[in-house]
Amino acid sequence: MMRAIAETTRRRDLQRAYNEKHGITPQSVNSAVRALIEIAADTEERYAGTVSQEEKEALIRALEDKMLSAAGDLDFEKAARYRDELFQLQGKAPLEKEQPQPLRRRRSTRHPKVK
């Protein structure tokens, strides 16, 4: 344990020296949750009662296309944002709240008995 603490301290000192040499000020990581909350609030404001039914359907089709395209590009965070925006537009609850996760079965680690 002492070796691990010493290694962590050594690395921390190296990082501090590098930061001072290059004028870097460490900053905390911005939470992605706050960004998603802002997107949801922006979506509500953007589509609140100002869109006709035809425009709403066109927006839904466009968002579905964007969502599928983002998922195809393996950008799942963007696809999830588009999905959440779709749910907002359709007036549905998010998928996680509608469908509970199925219970997972544990695999047996024992081998079947051979007779």
N, C-alpha and C. Protein backbone atom coordinates (compact mmCIF):
# COMPACT_ATOMS: atom_id res chain seq x y z
N MET A 1 0.83 -1.19 0.00
CA MET A 1 0.00 0.00 0.00
C MET A 1 0.87 1.25 0.00
N MET A 2 1.95 1.21 0.75
CA MET A 2 2.84 2.37 0.82
C MET A 2 3.47 2.66 -0.54
N ARG A 3 3.79 1.61 -1.30
CA ARG A 3 4.36 1.83 -2.64
C ARG A 3 3.35 2.50 -3.56
N ALA A 4 2.10 2.10 -3.46
CA ALA A 4 1.06 2.70 -4.30
C ALA A 4 0.87 4.17 -3.96
N ILE A 5 0.86 4.50 -2.67
CA ILE A 5 0.72 5.90 -2.25
C ILE A 5 1.91 6.72 -2.71
N ALA A 6 3.11 6.15 -2.59
CA ALA A 6 4.32 6.86 -3.03
C ALA A 6 4.28 7.11 -4.53
N GLU A 7 3.82 6.13 -5.31
CA GLU A 7 3.73 6.29 -6.77
C GLU A 7 2.70 7.36 -7.13
N THR A 8 1.58 7.37 -6.43
CA THR A 8 0.56 8.39 -6.68
C THR A 8 1.10 9.78 -6.36
N THR A 9 1.81 9.91 -5.27
CA THR A 9 2.40 11.20 -4.90
C THR A 9 3.43 11.64 -5.92
N ARG A 10 4.24 10.71 -6.40
CA ARG A 10 5.26 11.03 -7.40
C ARG A 10 4.60 11.53 -8.69
N ARG A 11 3.57 10.84 -9.13
CA ARG A 11 2.87 11.25 -10.35
C ARG A 11 2.19 12.60 -10.18
N ARG A 12 1.61 12.83 -9.01
CA ARG A 12 0.94 14.10 -8.74
C ARG A 12 1.95 15.25 -8.80
N ASP A 13 3.15 15.03 -8.23
CA ASP A 13 4.20 16.05 -8.27
C ASP A 13 4.65 16.33 -9.70
N LEU A 14 4.79 15.28 -10.50
CA LEU A 14 5.15 15.46 -11.92
C LEU A 14 4.08 16.27 -12.65
N GLN A 15 2.80 15.97 -12.38
CA GLN A 15 1.72 16.69 -13.04
C GLN A 15 1.69 18.15 -12.63
N ARG A 16 1.91 18.43 -11.35
CA ARG A 16 1.96 19.82 -10.89
C ARG A 16 3.08 20.59 -11.57
N ALA A 17 4.27 19.97 -11.66
CA ALA A 17 5.41 20.63 -12.30
C ALA A 17 5.11 20.91 -13.77
N TYR A 18 4.51 19.95 -14.46
CA TYR A 18 4.15 20.13 -15.87
C TYR A 18 3.13 21.27 -16.03
N ASN A 19 2.12 21.28 -15.15
CA ASN A 19 1.10 22.32 -15.22
C ASN A 19 1.71 23.71 -15.00
N GLU A 20 2.61 23.85 -14.01
CA GLU A 20 3.24 25.14 -13.75
C GLU A 20 4.11 25.58 -14.93
N LYS A 21 4.85 24.66 -15.51
CA LYS A 21 5.74 24.97 -16.63
C LYS A 21 4.94 25.48 -17.83
N HIS A 22 3.77 24.88 -18.09
CA HIS A 22 2.99 25.21 -19.27
C HIS A 22 1.82 26.16 -18.97
N GLY A 23 1.72 26.66 -17.74
CA GLY A 23 0.68 27.62 -17.39
C GLY A 23 -0.72 27.05 -17.42
N ILE A 24 -0.86 25.81 -17.03
CA ILE A 24 -2.16 25.14 -17.03
C ILE A 24 -2.77 25.22 -15.64
N THR A 25 -4.03 25.64 -15.59
CA THR A 25 -4.77 25.66 -14.33
C THR A 25 -5.77 24.51 -14.36
N PRO A 26 -5.63 23.55 -13.46
CA PRO A 26 -6.57 22.42 -13.45
C PRO A 26 -8.00 22.90 -13.20
N GLN A 27 -8.93 22.27 -13.91
CA GLN A 27 -10.35 22.59 -13.75
C GLN A 27 -11.12 21.30 -13.55
N SER A 28 -12.23 21.40 -12.81
CA SER A 28 -13.04 20.20 -12.62
C SER A 28 -13.82 19.88 -13.88
N VAL A 29 -14.22 18.64 -13.98
CA VAL A 29 -14.94 18.15 -15.14
C VAL A 29 -16.37 18.67 -15.08
N ASN A 30 -16.87 19.16 -16.21
CA ASN A 30 -18.27 19.59 -16.28
C ASN A 30 -19.15 18.37 -16.43
N SER A 31 -20.21 18.33 -15.65
CA SER A 31 -21.10 17.18 -15.65
C SER A 31 -21.95 17.14 -16.91
N ALA A 32 -22.06 15.97 -17.51
CA ALA A 32 -22.90 15.79 -18.69
C ALA A 32 -24.38 15.85 -18.32
N VAL A 33 -24.71 15.58 -17.07
CA VAL A 33 -26.10 15.59 -16.64
C VAL A 33 -26.66 17.00 -16.74
N ARG A 34 -25.87 17.99 -16.35
CA ARG A 34 -26.34 19.38 -16.43
C ARG A 34 -26.61 19.75 -17.89
N ALA A 35 -25.75 19.30 -18.81
CA ALA A 35 -25.95 19.60 -20.22
C ALA A 35 -27.25 18.98 -20.72
N LEU A 36 -27.55 17.75 -20.29
CA LEU A 36 -28.78 17.09 -20.71
C LEU A 36 -30.02 17.80 -20.15
N ILE A 37 -29.91 18.31 -18.92
CA ILE A 37 -31.03 19.05 -18.33
C ILE A 37 -31.28 20.33 -19.13
N GLU A 38 -30.19 21.01 -19.51
CA GLU A 38 -30.33 22.23 -20.30
C GLU A 38 -30.96 21.93 -21.66
N ILE A 39 -30.57 20.82 -22.27
CA ILE A 39 -31.13 20.44 -23.57
C ILE A 39 -32.62 20.17 -23.43
N ALA A 40 -33.01 19.46 -22.37
CA ALA A 40 -34.43 19.16 -22.16
C ALA A 40 -35.23 20.44 -21.95
N ALA A 41 -34.69 21.37 -21.16
CA ALA A 41 -35.39 22.64 -20.93
C ALA A 41 -35.50 23.44 -22.23
N ASP A 42 -34.43 23.42 -23.03
CA ASP A 42 -34.44 24.13 -24.31
C ASP A 42 -35.47 23.52 -25.25
N THR A 43 -35.59 22.20 -25.25
CA THR A 43 -36.55 21.51 -26.10
C THR A 43 -37.98 21.90 -25.72
N GLU A 44 -38.27 21.94 -24.43
CA GLU A 44 -39.61 22.31 -23.98
C GLU A 44 -39.96 23.72 -24.42
N GLU A 45 -39.02 24.64 -24.27
CA GLU A 45 -39.27 26.03 -24.67
C GLU A 45 -39.45 26.14 -26.18
N ARG A 46 -38.66 25.39 -26.92
CA ARG A 46 -38.67 25.51 -28.37
C ARG A 46 -39.98 25.01 -28.97
N TYR A 47 -40.54 23.95 -28.43
CA TYR A 47 -41.71 23.33 -29.05
C TYR A 47 -43.00 23.54 -28.28
N ALA A 48 -43.00 24.39 -27.29
CA ALA A 48 -44.18 24.57 -26.43
C ALA A 48 -45.30 25.30 -27.17
N GLY A 49 -46.24 24.54 -27.73
CA GLY A 49 -47.45 25.08 -28.31
C GLY A 49 -47.29 25.96 -29.54
N THR A 50 -46.11 26.08 -30.10
CA THR A 50 -45.91 26.97 -31.24
C THR A 50 -45.84 26.23 -32.56
N VAL A 51 -46.00 24.91 -32.52
CA VAL A 51 -45.81 24.09 -33.71
C VAL A 51 -47.14 23.46 -34.12
N SER A 52 -47.45 23.54 -35.43
CA SER A 52 -48.67 22.89 -35.92
C SER A 52 -48.45 21.38 -35.98
N GLN A 53 -49.52 20.63 -36.20
CA GLN A 53 -49.43 19.17 -36.23
C GLN A 53 -48.53 18.68 -37.36
N GLU A 54 -48.64 19.31 -38.56
CA GLU A 54 -47.80 18.89 -39.69
C GLU A 54 -46.33 19.17 -39.42
N GLU A 55 -46.05 20.34 -38.82
CA GLU A 55 -44.67 20.69 -38.49
C GLU A 55 -44.12 19.73 -37.43
N LYS A 56 -44.98 19.37 -36.49
CA LYS A 56 -44.57 18.45 -35.43
C LYS A 56 -44.21 17.08 -36.02
N GLU A 57 -45.02 16.59 -36.95
CA GLU A 57 -44.73 15.30 -37.58
C GLU A 57 -43.45 15.36 -38.40
N ALA A 58 -43.22 16.49 -39.08
CA ALA A 58 -41.98 16.65 -39.85
C ALA A 58 -40.78 16.69 -38.92
N LEU A 59 -40.92 17.38 -37.78
CA LEU A 59 -39.84 17.43 -36.80
C LEU A 59 -39.55 16.03 -36.24
N ILE A 60 -40.60 15.27 -35.98
CA ILE A 60 -40.42 13.92 -35.46
C ILE A 60 -39.67 13.05 -36.46
N ARG A 61 -40.05 13.13 -37.73
CA ARG A 61 -39.34 12.35 -38.77
C ARG A 61 -37.88 12.78 -38.87
N ALA A 62 -37.64 14.09 -38.82
CA ALA A 62 -36.27 14.60 -38.92
C ALA A 62 -35.43 14.14 -37.72
N LEU A 63 -36.03 14.21 -36.53
CA LEU A 63 -35.30 13.77 -35.34
C LEU A 63 -35.02 12.27 -35.36
N GLU A 64 -35.98 11.48 -35.86
CA GLU A 64 -35.76 10.04 -35.97
C GLU A 64 -34.60 9.76 -36.92
N ASP A 65 -34.56 10.48 -38.05
CA ASP A 65 -33.46 10.30 -39.00
C ASP A 65 -32.12 10.66 -38.36
N LYS A 66 -32.09 11.79 -37.65
CA LYS A 66 -30.86 12.21 -36.98
C LYS A 66 -30.43 11.19 -35.93
N MET A 67 -31.41 10.68 -35.18
CA MET A 67 -31.11 9.71 -34.13
C MET A 67 -30.52 8.44 -34.72
N LEU A 68 -31.14 7.92 -35.78
CA LEU A 68 -30.64 6.70 -36.41
C LEU A 68 -29.28 6.92 -37.05
N SER A 69 -29.08 8.09 -37.62
CA SER A 69 -27.79 8.41 -38.22
C SER A 69 -26.69 8.47 -37.16
N ALA A 70 -27.00 9.12 -36.03
CA ALA A 70 -26.02 9.22 -34.94
C ALA A 70 -25.71 7.83 -34.38
N ALA A 71 -26.72 6.99 -34.24
CA ALA A 71 -26.49 5.63 -33.75
C ALA A 71 -25.66 4.83 -34.75
N GLY A 72 -25.90 5.04 -36.04
CA GLY A 72 -25.11 4.37 -37.07
C GLY A 72 -23.66 4.80 -37.04
N ASP A 73 -23.41 6.06 -36.64
CA ASP A 73 -22.05 6.58 -36.52
C ASP A 73 -21.43 6.24 -35.17
N LEU A 74 -22.14 5.46 -34.36
CA LEU A 74 -21.72 5.03 -33.03
C LEU A 74 -21.57 6.20 -32.07
N ASP A 75 -22.31 7.29 -32.31
CA ASP A 75 -22.34 8.43 -31.40
C ASP A 75 -23.62 8.30 -30.57
N PHE A 76 -23.55 7.43 -29.57
CA PHE A 76 -24.74 7.06 -28.82
C PHE A 76 -25.24 8.16 -27.90
N GLU A 77 -24.33 9.04 -27.44
CA GLU A 77 -24.78 10.14 -26.59
C GLU A 77 -25.66 11.10 -27.39
N LYS A 78 -25.25 11.40 -28.61
CA LYS A 78 -26.05 12.28 -29.46
C LYS A 78 -27.37 11.60 -29.82
N ALA A 79 -27.32 10.31 -30.10
CA ALA A 79 -28.54 9.56 -30.42
C ALA A 79 -29.51 9.59 -29.23
N ALA A 80 -28.98 9.47 -28.02
CA ALA A 80 -29.83 9.50 -26.83
C ALA A 80 -30.46 10.88 -26.65
N ARG A 81 -29.71 11.94 -26.97
CA ARG A 81 -30.28 13.28 -26.88
C ARG A 81 -31.43 13.45 -27.87
N TYR A 82 -31.22 12.96 -29.10
CA TYR A 82 -32.29 13.03 -30.10
C TYR A 82 -33.50 12.22 -29.66
N ARG A 83 -33.25 11.04 -29.06
CA ARG A 83 -34.34 10.20 -28.56
C ARG A 83 -35.13 10.93 -27.48
N ASP A 84 -34.42 11.57 -26.55
CA ASP A 84 -35.09 12.30 -25.49
C ASP A 84 -35.91 13.46 -26.05
N GLU A 85 -35.36 14.12 -27.06
CA GLU A 85 -36.08 15.22 -27.70
C GLU A 85 -37.34 14.70 -28.40
N LEU A 86 -37.22 13.52 -29.02
CA LEU A 86 -38.39 12.88 -29.64
C LEU A 86 -39.47 12.60 -28.61
N PHE A 87 -39.08 12.05 -27.47
CA PHE A 87 -40.04 11.76 -26.42
C PHE A 87 -40.73 13.03 -25.95
N GLN A 88 -39.96 14.12 -25.84
CA GLN A 88 -40.54 15.39 -25.43
C GLN A 88 -41.59 15.84 -26.44
N LEU A 89 -41.23 15.75 -27.72
CA LEU A 89 -42.14 16.17 -28.78
C LEU A 89 -43.41 15.32 -28.80
N GLN A 90 -43.24 14.03 -28.59
CA GLN A 90 -44.38 13.11 -28.64
C GLN A 90 -45.18 13.10 -27.35
N GLY A 91 -44.64 13.75 -26.31
CA GLY A 91 -45.33 13.80 -25.03
C GLY A 91 -45.25 12.49 -24.27
N LYS A 92 -44.20 11.71 -24.54
CA LYS A 92 -44.03 10.43 -23.87
C LYS A 92 -43.00 10.56 -22.75
N ALA A 93 -43.06 9.63 -21.82
CA ALA A 93 -42.06 9.54 -20.77
C ALA A 93 -40.82 8.88 -21.35
N PRO A 94 -39.66 9.16 -20.81
CA PRO A 94 -38.44 8.50 -21.29
C PRO A 94 -38.55 6.98 -21.18
N LEU A 95 -37.82 6.30 -22.04
CA LEU A 95 -37.88 4.85 -22.15
C LEU A 95 -37.57 4.16 -20.82
N GLU A 96 -36.61 4.68 -20.07
CA GLU A 96 -36.21 4.05 -18.82
C GLU A 96 -37.35 4.00 -17.82
N LYS A 97 -38.24 4.97 -17.86
CA LYS A 97 -39.35 4.99 -16.91
C LYS A 97 -40.50 4.11 -17.35
N GLU A 98 -40.65 3.90 -18.67
CA GLU A 98 -41.76 3.10 -19.18
C GLU A 98 -41.50 1.61 -19.07
N GLN A 99 -40.27 1.19 -19.35
CA GLN A 99 -39.97 -0.23 -19.43
C GLN A 99 -38.91 -0.61 -18.40
N PRO A 100 -39.31 -1.36 -17.38
CA PRO A 100 -38.31 -1.79 -16.39
C PRO A 100 -37.35 -2.79 -17.02
N GLN A 101 -36.14 -2.79 -16.51
CA GLN A 101 -35.13 -3.71 -17.00
C GLN A 101 -35.47 -5.13 -16.58
N PRO A 102 -35.30 -6.11 -17.49
CA PRO A 102 -35.58 -7.50 -17.11
C PRO A 102 -34.54 -8.00 -16.11
N LEU A 103 -34.98 -8.92 -15.28
CA LEU A 103 -34.05 -9.52 -14.33
C LEU A 103 -33.09 -10.43 -15.07
N ARG A 104 -31.85 -10.42 -14.66
CA ARG A 104 -30.85 -11.27 -15.30
C ARG A 104 -30.64 -12.52 -14.48
N ARG A 105 -30.51 -13.61 -15.18
CA ARG A 105 -30.27 -14.88 -14.50
C ARG A 105 -28.77 -15.11 -14.40
N ARG A 106 -28.39 -15.69 -13.30
CA ARG A 106 -26.99 -16.05 -13.15
C ARG A 106 -26.75 -17.39 -13.81
N ARG A 107 -25.64 -17.48 -14.47
CA ARG A 107 -25.28 -18.76 -15.08
C ARG A 107 -24.71 -19.69 -14.01
N SER A 108 -25.05 -20.91 -14.16
CA SER A 108 -24.55 -21.89 -13.21
C SER A 108 -23.07 -22.16 -13.52
N THR A 109 -22.26 -22.17 -12.49
CA THR A 109 -20.84 -22.45 -12.68
C THR A 109 -20.53 -23.92 -12.54
N ARG A 110 -21.53 -24.69 -12.13
CA ARG A 110 -21.33 -26.13 -11.99
C ARG A 110 -21.55 -26.81 -13.33
N HIS A 111 -20.80 -27.82 -13.56
CA HIS A 111 -20.96 -28.62 -14.76
C HIS A 111 -22.02 -29.68 -14.54
N PRO A 112 -22.79 -30.02 -15.56
CA PRO A 112 -23.79 -31.06 -15.36
C PRO A 112 -23.13 -32.40 -15.07
N LYS A 113 -23.80 -33.17 -14.27
CA LYS A 113 -23.28 -34.48 -13.91
C LYS A 113 -23.43 -35.42 -15.08
N VAL A 114 -22.37 -36.14 -15.36
CA VAL A 114 -22.40 -37.12 -16.45
C VAL A 114 -22.67 -38.48 -15.81
N LYS A 115 -23.65 -39.21 -16.34
CA LYS A 115 -23.99 -40.52 -15.77
C LYS A 115 -23.32 -41.62 -16.54
